[in-house]
PDB file of N, CA and C in Angstrom:
ATOM      1  N   UNK A   1       0.841  -1.171   0.000  1.00  0.00           N
ATOM      2  CA  UNK A   1       0.000   0.000   0.000  1.00  0.00           C
ATOM      3  C   UNK A   1       0.894   1.244   0.000  1.00  0.00           C
ATOM      4  N   UNK A   2       0.730   2.140  -0.968  1.00  0.00           N
ATOM      5  CA  UNK A   2       1.585   3.333  -1.035  1.00  0.00           C
ATOM      6  C   UNK A   2       1.293   4.292   0.119  1.00  0.00           C
ATOM      7  N   UNK A   3       2.361   4.948   0.559  1.00  0.00           N
ATOM      8  CA  UNK A   3       2.207   5.960   1.610  1.00  0.00           C
ATOM      9  C   UNK A   3       1.815   7.287   0.992  1.00  0.00           C
ATOM     10  N   UNK A   4       0.998   8.020   1.674  1.00  0.00           N
ATOM     11  CA  UNK A   4       0.611   9.356   1.221  1.00  0.00           C
ATOM     12  C   UNK A   4       1.628  10.343   1.791  1.00  0.00           C
ATOM     13  N   UNK A   5       2.215  11.143   0.906  1.00  0.00           N
ATOM     14  CA  UNK A   5       3.207  12.127   1.345  1.00  0.00           C
ATOM     15  C   UNK A   5       2.537  13.224   2.148  1.00  0.00           C
ATOM     16  N   UNK A   6       3.176  13.650   3.240  1.00  0.00           N
ATOM     17  CA  UNK A   6       2.605  14.746   4.032  1.00  0.00           C
ATOM     18  C   UNK A   6       2.495  16.024   3.198  1.00  0.00           C
ATOM     19  N   UNK A   7       1.448  16.770   3.422  1.00  0.00           N
ATOM     20  CA  UNK A   7       1.260  18.023   2.692  1.00  0.00           C
ATOM     21  C   UNK A   7       1.793  19.167   3.549  1.00  0.00           C
ATOM     22  N   UNK A   8       3.103  19.138   3.779  1.00  0.00           N
ATOM     23  CA  UNK A   8       3.732  20.153   4.624  1.00  0.00           C
ATOM     24  C   UNK A   8       4.480  21.200   3.806  1.00  0.00           C
ATOM     25  N   UNK A   9       4.346  21.125   2.483  1.00  0.00           N
ATOM     26  CA  UNK A   9       5.020  22.097   1.629  1.00  0.00           C
ATOM     27  C   UNK A   9       6.456  21.716   1.297  1.00  0.00           C
ATOM     28  N   UNK A  10       6.917  20.578   1.818  1.00  0.00           N
ATOM     29  CA  UNK A  10       8.284  20.130   1.549  1.00  0.00           C
ATOM     30  C   UNK A  10       8.253  18.898   0.660  1.00  0.00           C
ATOM     31  N   UNK A  11       9.246  18.823  -0.222  1.00  0.00           N
ATOM     32  CA  UNK A  11       9.319  17.629  -1.047  1.00  0.00           C
ATOM     33  C   UNK A  11      10.035  16.511  -0.275  1.00  0.00           C
ATOM     34  N   UNK A  12      10.056  15.347  -0.862  1.00  0.00           N
ATOM     35  CA  UNK A  12      10.623  14.171  -0.210  1.00  0.00           C
ATOM     36  C   UNK A  12      12.083  14.397   0.180  1.00  0.00           C
ATOM     37  N   UNK A  13      12.860  15.007  -0.706  1.00  0.00           N
ATOM     38  CA  UNK A  13      14.279  15.205  -0.413  1.00  0.00           C
ATOM     39  C   UNK A  13      14.481  16.203   0.724  1.00  0.00           C
ATOM     40  N   UNK A  14      13.649  17.226   0.801  1.00  0.00           N
ATOM     41  CA  UNK A  14      13.743  18.187   1.909  1.00  0.00           C
ATOM     42  C   UNK A  14      13.504  17.489   3.245  1.00  0.00           C
ATOM     43  N   UNK A  15      12.504  16.618   3.283  1.00  0.00           N
ATOM     44  CA  UNK A  15      12.232  15.877   4.518  1.00  0.00           C
ATOM     45  C   UNK A  15      13.389  14.936   4.853  1.00  0.00           C
ATOM     46  N   UNK A  16      13.942  14.308   3.830  1.00  0.00           N
ATOM     47  CA  UNK A  16      15.089  13.400   4.024  1.00  0.00           C
ATOM     48  C   UNK A  16      16.286  14.168   4.601  1.00  0.00           C
ATOM     49  N   UNK A  17      16.598  15.339   4.009  1.00  0.00           N
ATOM     50  CA  UNK A  17      17.711  16.164   4.509  1.00  0.00           C
ATOM     51  C   UNK A  17      17.473  16.583   5.947  1.00  0.00           C
ATOM     52  N   UNK A  18      16.256  17.001   6.247  1.00  0.00           N
ATOM     53  CA  UNK A  18      15.928  17.432   7.613  1.00  0.00           C
ATOM     54  C   UNK A  18      16.113  16.283   8.605  1.00  0.00           C
ATOM     55  N   UNK A  19      15.697  15.075   8.221  1.00  0.00           N
ATOM     56  CA  UNK A  19      15.859  13.913   9.099  1.00  0.00           C
ATOM     57  C   UNK A  19      17.336  13.620   9.342  1.00  0.00           C
ATOM     58  N   UNK A  20      18.132  13.696   8.302  1.00  0.00           N
ATOM     59  CA  UNK A  20      19.577  13.445   8.440  1.00  0.00           C
ATOM     60  C   UNK A  20      20.223  14.524   9.320  1.00  0.00           C
ATOM     61  N   UNK A  21      19.813  15.769   9.162  1.00  0.00           N
ATOM     62  CA  UNK A  21      20.361  16.853   9.995  1.00  0.00           C
ATOM     63  C   UNK A  21      20.007  16.632  11.457  1.00  0.00           C
ATOM     64  N   UNK A  22      18.808  16.140  11.722  1.00  0.00           N
ATOM     65  CA  UNK A  22      18.421  15.843  13.106  1.00  0.00           C
ATOM     66  C   UNK A  22      19.285  14.727  13.692  1.00  0.00           C
ATOM     67  N   UNK A  23      19.815  13.866  12.824  1.00  0.00           N
ATOM     68  CA  UNK A  23      20.710  12.790  13.262  1.00  0.00           C
ATOM     69  C   UNK A  23      22.148  13.285  13.427  1.00  0.00           C
ATOM     70  N   UNK A  24      22.370  14.570  13.174  1.00  0.00           N
ATOM     71  CA  UNK A  24      23.704  15.140  13.323  1.00  0.00           C
ATOM     72  C   UNK A  24      24.587  15.003  12.093  1.00  0.00           C
ATOM     73  N   UNK A  25      23.993  14.723  10.947  1.00  0.00           N
ATOM     74  CA  UNK A  25      24.755  14.561   9.713  1.00  0.00           C
ATOM     75  C   UNK A  25      24.662  15.819   8.861  1.00  0.00           C
ATOM     76  N   UNK A  26      25.651  16.007   8.013  1.00  0.00           N
ATOM     77  CA  UNK A  26      25.697  17.162   7.124  1.00  0.00           C
ATOM     78  C   UNK A  26      25.943  16.664   5.701  1.00  0.00           C
ATOM     79  N   UNK A  27      25.138  17.145   4.757  1.00  0.00           N
ATOM     80  CA  UNK A  27      25.316  16.769   3.365  1.00  0.00           C
ATOM     81  C   UNK A  27      26.446  17.593   2.756  1.00  0.00           C
ATOM     82  N   UNK A  28      27.286  16.928   1.986  1.00  0.00           N
ATOM     83  CA  UNK A  28      28.331  17.640   1.252  1.00  0.00           C
ATOM     84  C   UNK A  28      28.266  17.206  -0.210  1.00  0.00           C
ATOM     85  N   UNK A  29      28.772  18.050  -1.059  1.00  0.00           N
ATOM     86  CA  UNK A  29      28.927  17.705  -2.469  1.00  0.00           C
ATOM     87  C   UNK A  29      30.412  17.713  -2.755  1.00  0.00           C
ATOM     88  N   UNK A  30      30.839  16.753  -3.519  1.00  0.00           N
ATOM     89  CA  UNK A  30      32.257  16.581  -3.751  1.00  0.00           C
ATOM     90  C   UNK A  30      32.508  16.376  -5.240  1.00  0.00           C
ATOM     91  N   UNK A  31      33.337  17.223  -5.815  1.00  0.00           N
ATOM     92  CA  UNK A  31      33.722  17.078  -7.211  1.00  0.00           C
ATOM     93  C   UNK A  31      35.002  16.252  -7.269  1.00  0.00           C
ATOM     94  N   UNK A  32      35.009  15.252  -8.108  1.00  0.00           N
ATOM     95  CA  UNK A  32      36.180  14.391  -8.270  1.00  0.00           C
ATOM     96  C   UNK A  32      36.530  14.316  -9.753  1.00  0.00           C
ATOM     97  N   UNK A  33      37.779  13.983 -10.067  1.00  0.00           N
ATOM     98  CA  UNK A  33      38.149  13.855 -11.480  1.00  0.00           C
ATOM     99  C   UNK A  33      37.333  12.750 -12.161  1.00  0.00           C
ATOM    100  N   UNK A  34      36.962  13.002 -13.400  1.00  0.00           N
ATOM    101  CA  UNK A  34      36.190  12.047 -14.190  1.00  0.00           C
ATOM    102  C   UNK A  34      37.154  11.122 -14.938  1.00  0.00           C
ATOM    103  N   UNK A  35      37.175   9.835 -14.600  1.00  0.00           N
ATOM    104  CA  UNK A  35      38.104   8.915 -15.275  1.00  0.00           C
ATOM    105  C   UNK A  35      37.830   8.776 -16.768  1.00  0.00           C
ATOM    106  N   UNK A  36      36.637   9.180 -17.230  1.00  0.00           N
ATOM    107  CA  UNK A  36      36.324   9.092 -18.654  1.00  0.00           C
ATOM    108  C   UNK A  36      36.746  10.354 -19.412  1.00  0.00           C
ATOM    109  N   UNK A  37      37.218  11.370 -18.696  1.00  0.00           N
ATOM    110  CA  UNK A  37      37.593  12.627 -19.335  1.00  0.00           C
ATOM    111  C   UNK A  37      38.868  12.454 -20.168  1.00  0.00           C
ATOM    112  N   UNK A  38      38.955  13.183 -21.272  1.00  0.00           N
ATOM    113  CA  UNK A  38      40.178  13.121 -22.082  1.00  0.00           C
ATOM    114  C   UNK A  38      41.386  13.537 -21.241  1.00  0.00           C
ATOM    115  N   UNK A  39      42.443  12.753 -21.335  1.00  0.00           N
ATOM    116  CA  UNK A  39      43.684  13.082 -20.635  1.00  0.00           C
ATOM    117  C   UNK A  39      43.777  12.540 -19.220  1.00  0.00           C
ATOM    118  N   UNK A  40      42.674  11.991 -18.687  1.00  0.00           N
ATOM    119  CA  UNK A  40      42.696  11.488 -17.312  1.00  0.00           C
ATOM    120  C   UNK A  40      43.723  10.372 -17.148  1.00  0.00           C
ATOM    121  N   UNK A  41      43.666   9.392 -18.048  1.00  0.00           N
ATOM    122  CA  UNK A  41      44.561   8.235 -17.947  1.00  0.00           C
ATOM    123  C   UNK A  41      46.024   8.675 -18.030  1.00  0.00           C
ATOM    124  N   UNK A  42      46.310   9.556 -18.951  1.00  0.00           N
ATOM    125  CA  UNK A  42      47.696  10.017 -19.120  1.00  0.00           C
ATOM    126  C   UNK A  42      48.184  10.763 -17.877  1.00  0.00           C
ATOM    127  N   UNK A  43      47.323  11.595 -17.293  1.00  0.00           N
ATOM    128  CA  UNK A  43      47.703  12.344 -16.103  1.00  0.00           C
ATOM    129  C   UNK A  43      47.891  11.411 -14.907  1.00  0.00           C
ATOM    130  N   UNK A  44      47.024  10.421 -14.772  1.00  0.00           N
ATOM    131  CA  UNK A  44      47.169   9.453 -13.679  1.00  0.00           C
ATOM    132  C   UNK A  44      48.478   8.676 -13.824  1.00  0.00           C
ATOM    133  N   UNK A  45      48.799   8.285 -15.051  1.00  0.00           N
ATOM    134  CA  UNK A  45      50.054   7.565 -15.294  1.00  0.00           C
ATOM    135  C   UNK A  45      51.263   8.455 -15.023  1.00  0.00           C
ATOM    136  N   UNK A  46      51.172   9.730 -15.404  1.00  0.00           N
ATOM    137  CA  UNK A  46      52.272  10.676 -15.150  1.00  0.00           C
ATOM    138  C   UNK A  46      52.521  10.806 -13.652  1.00  0.00           C
ATOM    139  N   UNK A  47      51.446  10.972 -12.874  1.00  0.00           N
ATOM    140  CA  UNK A  47      51.597  11.108 -11.431  1.00  0.00           C
ATOM    141  C   UNK A  47      52.117   9.822 -10.799  1.00  0.00           C
ATOM    142  N   UNK A  48      51.681   8.681 -11.319  1.00  0.00           N
ATOM    143  CA  UNK A  48      52.167   7.398 -10.797  1.00  0.00           C
ATOM    144  C   UNK A  48      53.661   7.237 -11.059  1.00  0.00           C
ATOM    145  N   UNK A  49      54.124   7.674 -12.252  1.00  0.00           N
ATOM    146  CA  UNK A  49      55.564   7.599 -12.562  1.00  0.00           C
ATOM    147  C   UNK A  49      56.379   8.454 -11.607  1.00  0.00           C
ATOM    148  N   UNK A  50      55.857   9.629 -11.263  1.00  0.00           N
ATOM    149  CA  UNK A  50      56.571  10.531 -10.355  1.00  0.00           C
ATOM    150  C   UNK A  50      56.740   9.864  -8.988  1.00  0.00           C
ATOM    151  N   UNK A  51      55.698   9.182  -8.507  1.00  0.00           N
ATOM    152  CA  UNK A  51      55.740   8.583  -7.169  1.00  0.00           C
ATOM    153  C   UNK A  51      56.420   7.221  -7.114  1.00  0.00           C
ATOM    154  N   UNK A  52      56.466   6.520  -8.242  1.00  0.00           N
ATOM    155  CA  UNK A  52      56.988   5.153  -8.244  1.00  0.00           C
ATOM    156  C   UNK A  52      58.380   5.102  -7.625  1.00  0.00           C
ATOM    157  N   UNK A  53      58.492   4.339  -6.547  1.00  0.00           N
ATOM    158  CA  UNK A  53      59.780   4.153  -5.891  1.00  0.00           C
ATOM    159  C   UNK A  53      60.142   5.240  -4.896  1.00  0.00           C
ATOM    160  N   UNK A  54      59.366   6.314  -4.828  1.00  0.00           N
ATOM    161  CA  UNK A  54      59.662   7.411  -3.902  1.00  0.00           C
ATOM    162  C   UNK A  54      59.242   7.021  -2.483  1.00  0.00           C
ATOM    163  N   UNK A  55      59.864   7.641  -1.491  1.00  0.00           N
ATOM    164  CA  UNK A  55      59.526   7.378  -0.092  1.00  0.00           C
ATOM    165  C   UNK A  55      58.050   7.699   0.178  1.00  0.00           C
ATOM    166  N   UNK A  56      57.532   8.720  -0.482  1.00  0.00           N
ATOM    167  CA  UNK A  56      56.139   9.112  -0.287  1.00  0.00           C
ATOM    168  C   UNK A  56      55.185   8.006  -0.726  1.00  0.00           C
ATOM    169  N   UNK A  57      55.560   7.266  -1.770  1.00  0.00           N
ATOM    170  CA  UNK A  57      54.712   6.182  -2.246  1.00  0.00           C
ATOM    171  C   UNK A  57      54.545   5.134  -1.149  1.00  0.00           C
ATOM    172  N   UNK A  58      55.640   4.722  -0.543  1.00  0.00           N
ATOM    173  CA  UNK A  58      55.576   3.710   0.523  1.00  0.00           C
ATOM    174  C   UNK A  58      54.756   4.232   1.709  1.00  0.00           C
ATOM    175  N   UNK A  59      54.947   5.516   2.035  1.00  0.00           N
ATOM    176  CA  UNK A  59      54.221   6.122   3.146  1.00  0.00           C
ATOM    177  C   UNK A  59      52.712   6.087   2.890  1.00  0.00           C
ATOM    178  N   UNK A  60      52.297   6.444   1.685  1.00  0.00           N
ATOM    179  CA  UNK A  60      50.870   6.454   1.339  1.00  0.00           C
ATOM    180  C   UNK A  60      50.303   5.037   1.333  1.00  0.00           C
ATOM    181  N   UNK A  61      51.029   4.089   0.749  1.00  0.00           N
ATOM    182  CA  UNK A  61      50.553   2.713   0.712  1.00  0.00           C
ATOM    183  C   UNK A  61      50.439   2.130   2.126  1.00  0.00           C
ATOM    184  N   UNK A  62      51.393   2.453   2.985  1.00  0.00           N
ATOM    185  CA  UNK A  62      51.321   2.000   4.384  1.00  0.00           C
ATOM    186  C   UNK A  62      50.104   2.596   5.084  1.00  0.00           C
ATOM    187  N   UNK A  63      49.832   3.895   4.821  1.00  0.00           N
ATOM    188  CA  UNK A  63      48.667   4.551   5.423  1.00  0.00           C
ATOM    189  C   UNK A  63      47.372   3.885   4.968  1.00  0.00           C
ATOM    190  N   UNK A  64      47.246   3.639   3.667  1.00  0.00           N
ATOM    191  CA  UNK A  64      46.038   3.008   3.132  1.00  0.00           C
ATOM    192  C   UNK A  64      45.859   1.628   3.739  1.00  0.00           C
ATOM    193  N   UNK A  65      46.933   0.871   3.827  1.00  0.00           N
ATOM    194  CA  UNK A  65      46.869  -0.466   4.422  1.00  0.00           C
ATOM    195  C   UNK A  65      46.400  -0.394   5.873  1.00  0.00           C
ATOM    196  N   UNK A  66      46.970   0.523   6.643  1.00  0.00           N
ATOM    197  CA  UNK A  66      46.595   0.663   8.050  1.00  0.00           C
ATOM    198  C   UNK A  66      45.148   1.123   8.193  1.00  0.00           C
ATOM    199  N   UNK A  67      44.714   2.029   7.318  1.00  0.00           N
ATOM    200  CA  UNK A  67      43.357   2.574   7.419  1.00  0.00           C
ATOM    201  C   UNK A  67      42.295   1.552   7.032  1.00  0.00           C
ATOM    202  N   UNK A  68      42.648   0.591   6.201  1.00  0.00           N
ATOM    203  CA  UNK A  68      41.655  -0.363   5.724  1.00  0.00           C
ATOM    204  C   UNK A  68      41.766  -1.735   6.374  1.00  0.00           C
ATOM    205  N   UNK A  69      42.696  -1.916   7.274  1.00  0.00           N
ATOM    206  CA  UNK A  69      42.912  -3.222   7.889  1.00  0.00           C
ATOM    207  C   UNK A  69      41.667  -3.756   8.571  1.00  0.00           C
ATOM    208  N   UNK A  70      40.936  -2.915   9.281  1.00  0.00           N
ATOM    209  CA  UNK A  70      39.773  -3.361  10.044  1.00  0.00           C
ATOM    210  C   UNK A  70      38.470  -3.357   9.246  1.00  0.00           C
ATOM    211  N   UNK A  71      38.513  -3.061   7.968  1.00  0.00           N
ATOM    212  CA  UNK A  71      37.285  -2.937   7.190  1.00  0.00           C
ATOM    213  C   UNK A  71      36.736  -4.264   6.684  1.00  0.00           C
ATOM    214  N   UNK A  72      37.543  -5.318   6.714  1.00  0.00           N
ATOM    215  CA  UNK A  72      37.105  -6.628   6.253  1.00  0.00           C
ATOM    216  C   UNK A  72      36.512  -6.536   4.846  1.00  0.00           C
ATOM    217  N   UNK A  73      37.274  -5.937   3.920  1.00  0.00           N
ATOM    218  CA  UNK A  73      36.807  -5.739   2.546  1.00  0.00           C
ATOM    219  C   UNK A  73      36.944  -7.020   1.737  1.00  0.00           C
ATOM    220  N   UNK A  74      35.949  -7.274   0.920  1.00  0.00           N
ATOM    221  CA  UNK A  74      36.029  -8.377  -0.025  1.00  0.00           C
ATOM    222  C   UNK A  74      36.846  -7.901  -1.229  1.00  0.00           C
ATOM    223  N   UNK A  75      37.570  -8.798  -1.876  1.00  0.00           N
ATOM    224  CA  UNK A  75      38.292  -8.392  -3.091  1.00  0.00           C
ATOM    225  C   UNK A  75      37.311  -7.859  -4.133  1.00  0.00           C
ATOM    226  N   UNK A  76      37.694  -6.810  -4.838  1.00  0.00           N
ATOM    227  CA  UNK A  76      36.838  -6.194  -5.852  1.00  0.00           C
ATOM    228  C   UNK A  76      36.728  -7.115  -7.057  1.00  0.00           C
ATOM    229  N   UNK A  77      35.521  -7.305  -7.556  1.00  0.00           N
ATOM    230  CA  UNK A  77      35.292  -8.145  -8.724  1.00  0.00           C
ATOM    231  C   UNK A  77      35.331  -7.269  -9.975  1.00  0.00           C
ATOM    232  N   UNK A  78      36.408  -7.346 -10.726  1.00  0.00           N
ATOM    233  CA  UNK A  78      36.564  -6.530 -11.927  1.00  0.00           C
ATOM    234  C   UNK A  78      35.692  -7.036 -13.060  1.00  0.00           C
ATOM    235  N   UNK A  79      35.138  -8.226 -12.916  1.00  0.00           N
ATOM    236  CA  UNK A  79      34.323  -8.790 -13.987  1.00  0.00           C
ATOM    237  C   UNK A  79      35.190  -9.511 -14.995  1.00  0.00           C
ATOM    238  N   UNK A  80      34.558 -10.163 -15.956  1.00  0.00           N
ATOM    239  CA  UNK A  80      35.314 -10.933 -16.945  1.00  0.00           C
ATOM    240  C   UNK A  80      36.292 -10.060 -17.723  1.00  0.00           C
ATOM    241  N   UNK A  81      37.515 -10.480 -17.758  1.00  0.00           N
ATOM    242  CA  UNK A  81      38.531  -9.791 -18.551  1.00  0.00           C
ATOM    243  C   UNK A  81      39.109  -8.543 -17.926  1.00  0.00           C
ATOM    244  N   UNK A  82      38.616  -8.130 -16.768  1.00  0.00           N
ATOM    245  CA  UNK A  82      39.149  -6.932 -16.121  1.00  0.00           C
ATOM    246  C   UNK A  82      40.455  -7.230 -15.413  1.00  0.00           C
ATOM    247  N   UNK A  83      41.211  -6.182 -15.067  1.00  0.00           N
ATOM    248  CA  UNK A  83      42.489  -6.405 -14.400  1.00  0.00           C
ATOM    249  C   UNK A  83      42.291  -6.948 -12.997  1.00  0.00           C
ATOM    250  N   UNK A  84      43.179  -7.803 -12.571  1.00  0.00           N
ATOM    251  CA  UNK A  84      43.120  -8.340 -11.226  1.00  0.00           C
ATOM    252  C   UNK A  84      44.033  -7.525 -10.321  1.00  0.00           C
ATOM    253  N   UNK A  85      43.496  -6.959  -9.228  1.00  0.00           N
ATOM    254  CA  UNK A  85      44.360  -6.219  -8.316  1.00  0.00           C
ATOM    255  C   UNK A  85      45.218  -7.147  -7.472  1.00  0.00           C
ATOM    256  N   UNK A  86      44.941  -8.452  -7.523  1.00  0.00           N
ATOM    257  CA  UNK A  86      45.721  -9.433  -6.791  1.00  0.00           C
ATOM    258  C   UNK A  86      46.338 -10.400  -7.782  1.00  0.00           C
ATOM    259  N   UNK A  87      47.527 -10.072  -8.304  1.00  0.00           N
ATOM    260  CA  UNK A  87      48.158 -10.943  -9.288  1.00  0.00           C
ATOM    261  C   UNK A  87      48.285 -12.365  -8.752  1.00  0.00           C
ATOM    262  N   UNK A  88      47.961 -13.313  -9.606  1.00  0.00           N
ATOM    263  CA  UNK A  88      48.078 -14.705  -9.235  1.00  0.00           C
ATOM    264  C   UNK A  88      46.794 -15.293  -8.673  1.00  0.00           C
ATOM    265  N   UNK A  89      45.824 -14.442  -8.340  1.00  0.00           N
ATOM    266  CA  UNK A  89      44.548 -14.946  -7.831  1.00  0.00           C
ATOM    267  C   UNK A  89      43.549 -15.003  -8.974  1.00  0.00           C
ATOM    268  N   UNK A  90      42.778 -16.051  -8.966  1.00  0.00           N
ATOM    269  CA  UNK A  90      41.768 -16.243 -10.009  1.00  0.00           C
ATOM    270  C   UNK A  90      40.610 -15.279  -9.805  1.00  0.00           C
ATOM    271  N   UNK A  91      40.134 -14.671 -10.902  1.00  0.00           N
ATOM    272  CA  UNK A  91      38.975 -13.796 -10.850  1.00  0.00           C
ATOM    273  C   UNK A  91      37.709 -14.592 -11.042  1.00  0.00           C
ATOM    274  N   UNK A  92      36.588 -13.991 -10.646  1.00  0.00           N
ATOM    275  CA  UNK A  92      35.293 -14.634 -10.819  1.00  0.00           C
ATOM    276  C   UNK A  92      35.093 -14.973 -12.283  1.00  0.00           C
ATOM    277  N   UNK A  93      34.716 -16.201 -12.551  1.00  0.00           N
ATOM    278  CA  UNK A  93      34.432 -16.612 -13.921  1.00  0.00           C
ATOM    279  C   UNK A  93      35.653 -17.053 -14.719  1.00  0.00           C
ATOM    280  N   UNK A  94      36.844 -16.879 -14.182  1.00  0.00           N
ATOM    281  CA  UNK A  94      38.063 -17.288 -14.895  1.00  0.00           C
ATOM    282  C   UNK A  94      38.416 -18.715 -14.560  1.00  0.00           C
ATOM    283  N   UNK A  95      38.939 -19.413 -15.534  1.00  0.00           N
ATOM    284  CA  UNK A  95      39.471 -20.748 -15.296  1.00  0.00           C
ATOM    285  C   UNK A  95      40.909 -20.773 -15.781  1.00  0.00           C
ATOM    286  N   UNK A  96      41.718 -21.493 -15.051  1.00  0.00           N
ATOM    287  CA  UNK A  96      43.124 -21.602 -15.458  1.00  0.00           C
ATOM    288  C   UNK A  96      43.393 -22.950 -16.028  1.00  0.00           C
TER     289      UNK A  96
END
């Protein structure tokens, strides 16, 4: 049975935002680089070359490892034919 929306002059999203604010949360908007944008891949590769082997690279990788240790993350499924972030491990649907 569908719910009837309250006629309080607010739309569904306004009520949702208000409920989240009452829970002590704040909405943010975040702009991130678009991986499909022209030049993205080349710029990412350029930055990776700069860091490769540098002390900062090890520091960042150690930080990421420490920050995600307790998250109990499942390995990401790249799908058929996608790159494996864990070399030597079989991907879903792959047979050796």
